[in-house]
Amino acid sequence: MDEKELRKQLSVAIDEKKLVVGLERTLKILRKGNAALVAIASNCPEKEEVKRLAGKAGTGVFECKQNNLELGELCRKTFRVSSLTIVKQVSK
């Protein structure tokens, strides 16, 4: 996946309210197995832990070239974002 594809998926996830930002929330969702995709900033402090949990859950990880400030801007936030998660569609 490239940055252009990530931007497209983020836009859709934001519109569908399936985007979750924040390291702790990302880790929690990965532990539950509810993540479709995880993106981590270049300076994410828990990068290895996120990748380990994502591998265990079979979730794709996109390692961004952007730092946490730039990743925040990418997902339309006014604050730093170390990691974000696109949540799986929950079937009813």
C-alpha atoms as a PDB file:
ATOM      1  CA  MET A   1       0.000   0.000   0.000  1.00  0.00           C
ATOM      2  CA  ASP A   2       1.287   3.447  -0.826  1.00  0.00           C
ATOM      3  CA  GLU A   3       0.508   6.830   0.715  1.00  0.00           C
ATOM      4  CA  LYS A   4      -2.095   7.659  -1.929  1.00  0.00           C
ATOM      5  CA  GLU A   5      -4.040   4.479  -1.113  1.00  0.00           C
ATOM      6  CA  LEU A   6      -3.738   5.202   2.628  1.00  0.00           C
ATOM      7  CA  ARG A   7      -5.170   8.706   2.119  1.00  0.00           C
ATOM      8  CA  LYS A   8      -8.094   7.208   0.208  1.00  0.00           C
ATOM      9  CA  GLN A   9      -8.802   4.602   2.897  1.00  0.00           C
ATOM     10  CA  LEU A  10      -8.511   7.219   5.645  1.00  0.00           C
ATOM     11  CA  SER A  11     -10.998   9.460   3.885  1.00  0.00           C
ATOM     12  CA  VAL A  12     -13.506   6.613   3.608  1.00  0.00           C
ATOM     13  CA  ALA A  13     -12.917   5.535   7.232  1.00  0.00           C
ATOM     14  CA  ILE A  14     -13.402   9.090   8.493  1.00  0.00           C
ATOM     15  CA  ASP A  15     -16.638   9.443   6.541  1.00  0.00           C
ATOM     16  CA  GLU A  16     -17.906   6.059   7.792  1.00  0.00           C
ATOM     17  CA  LYS A  17     -16.730   6.804  11.348  1.00  0.00           C
ATOM     18  CA  LYS A  18     -14.489   3.720  11.412  1.00  0.00           C
ATOM     19  CA  LEU A  19     -11.249   5.563  12.185  1.00  0.00           C
ATOM     20  CA  VAL A  20      -9.761   5.352  15.677  1.00  0.00           C
ATOM     21  CA  VAL A  21      -6.709   7.414  16.612  1.00  0.00           C
ATOM     22  CA  GLY A  22      -4.270   6.954  19.450  1.00  0.00           C
ATOM     23  CA  LEU A  23      -1.726   4.391  20.515  1.00  0.00           C
ATOM     24  CA  GLU A  24      -3.582   2.984  23.526  1.00  0.00           C
ATOM     25  CA  ARG A  25      -6.839   2.612  21.581  1.00  0.00           C
ATOM     26  CA  THR A  26      -4.949   0.995  18.685  1.00  0.00           C
ATOM     27  CA  LEU A  27      -3.359  -1.556  21.023  1.00  0.00           C
ATOM     28  CA  LYS A  28      -6.730  -2.309  22.632  1.00  0.00           C
ATOM     29  CA  ILE A  29      -8.434  -2.863  19.259  1.00  0.00           C
ATOM     30  CA  LEU A  30      -5.561  -5.076  18.068  1.00  0.00           C
ATOM     31  CA  ARG A  31      -5.830  -7.217  21.202  1.00  0.00           C
ATOM     32  CA  LYS A  32      -9.543  -7.701  20.494  1.00  0.00           C
ATOM     33  CA  GLY A  33      -8.844  -8.549  16.832  1.00  0.00           C
ATOM     34  CA  ASN A  34     -11.114  -5.802  15.502  1.00  0.00           C
ATOM     35  CA  ALA A  35      -8.584  -3.901  13.361  1.00  0.00           C
ATOM     36  CA  ALA A  36      -8.709  -3.982   9.563  1.00  0.00           C
ATOM     37  CA  LEU A  37      -5.588  -1.844   9.106  1.00  0.00           C
ATOM     38  CA  VAL A  38      -3.152   0.002  11.348  1.00  0.00           C
ATOM     39  CA  ALA A  39      -0.943   2.937  10.367  1.00  0.00           C
ATOM     40  CA  ILE A  40       1.936   4.050  12.558  1.00  0.00           C
ATOM     41  CA  ALA A  41       3.939   7.271  12.450  1.00  0.00           C
ATOM     42  CA  SER A  42       7.676   7.170  11.816  1.00  0.00           C
ATOM     43  CA  ASN A  43       8.301   8.248  15.417  1.00  0.00           C
ATOM     44  CA  CYS A  44       5.712   6.032  17.134  1.00  0.00           C
ATOM     45  CA  PRO A  45       7.160   5.042  20.540  1.00  0.00           C
ATOM     46  CA  GLU A  46       5.578   1.561  20.584  1.00  0.00           C
ATOM     47  CA  LYS A  47       6.175   0.646  16.930  1.00  0.00           C
ATOM     48  CA  GLU A  48       7.458  -2.871  17.670  1.00  0.00           C
ATOM     49  CA  GLU A  49       4.565  -3.678  20.029  1.00  0.00           C
ATOM     50  CA  VAL A  50       2.020  -2.526  17.441  1.00  0.00           C
ATOM     51  CA  LYS A  51       3.680  -4.650  14.744  1.00  0.00           C
ATOM     52  CA  ARG A  52       3.828  -7.680  17.067  1.00  0.00           C
ATOM     53  CA  LEU A  53       0.143  -7.479  17.996  1.00  0.00           C
ATOM     54  CA  ALA A  54      -0.870  -6.804  14.390  1.00  0.00           C
ATOM     55  CA  GLY A  55       1.071  -9.852  13.216  1.00  0.00           C
ATOM     56  CA  LYS A  56      -0.614 -11.967  15.863  1.00  0.00           C
ATOM     57  CA  ALA A  57      -4.048 -10.686  14.772  1.00  0.00           C
ATOM     58  CA  GLY A  58      -3.303 -10.966  11.057  1.00  0.00           C
ATOM     59  CA  THR A  59      -3.802  -7.214  10.580  1.00  0.00           C
ATOM     60  CA  GLY A  60      -1.925  -5.176   7.998  1.00  0.00           C
ATOM     61  CA  VAL A  61       0.431  -2.445   9.214  1.00  0.00           C
ATOM     62  CA  PHE A  62       1.380   0.596   7.179  1.00  0.00           C
ATOM     63  CA  GLU A  63       4.548   2.301   8.417  1.00  0.00           C
ATOM     64  CA  CYS A  64       4.160   5.943   7.456  1.00  0.00           C
ATOM     65  CA  LYS A  65       7.045   8.146   6.427  1.00  0.00           C
ATOM     66  CA  GLN A  66       5.316  10.977   8.267  1.00  0.00           C
ATOM     67  CA  ASN A  67       5.943  11.792  11.917  1.00  0.00           C
ATOM     68  CA  ASN A  68       3.087  11.945  14.427  1.00  0.00           C
ATOM     69  CA  LEU A  69       2.294  15.620  13.715  1.00  0.00           C
ATOM     70  CA  GLU A  70       2.029  14.996   9.966  1.00  0.00           C
ATOM     71  CA  LEU A  71      -0.022  11.841  10.497  1.00  0.00           C
ATOM     72  CA  GLY A  72      -2.441  13.878  12.611  1.00  0.00           C
ATOM     73  CA  GLU A  73      -2.857  16.343   9.754  1.00  0.00           C
ATOM     74  CA  LEU A  74      -3.335  13.473   7.299  1.00  0.00           C
ATOM     75  CA  CYS A  75      -6.371  12.232   9.234  1.00  0.00           C
ATOM     76  CA  ARG A  76      -7.807  15.739   9.751  1.00  0.00           C
ATOM     77  CA  LYS A  77      -6.814  16.106  13.410  1.00  0.00           C
ATOM     78  CA  THR A  78      -5.300  19.158  15.078  1.00  0.00           C
ATOM     79  CA  PHE A  79      -3.069  17.077  17.337  1.00  0.00           C
ATOM     80  CA  ARG A  80      -0.285  14.502  17.054  1.00  0.00           C
ATOM     81  CA  VAL A  81      -1.276  10.942  16.125  1.00  0.00           C
ATOM     82  CA  SER A  82       1.274   8.155  16.704  1.00  0.00           C
ATOM     83  CA  SER A  83      -1.017   5.441  15.405  1.00  0.00           C
ATOM     84  CA  LEU A  84      -4.434   5.015  13.918  1.00  0.00           C
ATOM     85  CA  THR A  85      -6.700   2.089  13.222  1.00  0.00           C
ATOM     86  CA  ILE A  86      -9.359   1.423  10.674  1.00  0.00           C
ATOM     87  CA  VAL A  87     -11.875  -0.771  12.474  1.00  0.00           C
ATOM     88  CA  LYS A  88     -13.339  -3.857  10.811  1.00  0.00           C
ATOM     89  CA  GLN A  89     -16.934  -3.799   9.683  1.00  0.00           C
ATOM     90  CA  VAL A  90     -19.021  -5.436  12.398  1.00  0.00           C
ATOM     91  CA  SER A  91     -21.559  -7.859  10.956  1.00  0.00           C
ATOM     92  CA  LYS A  92     -24.982  -8.010  12.560  1.00  0.00           C
END
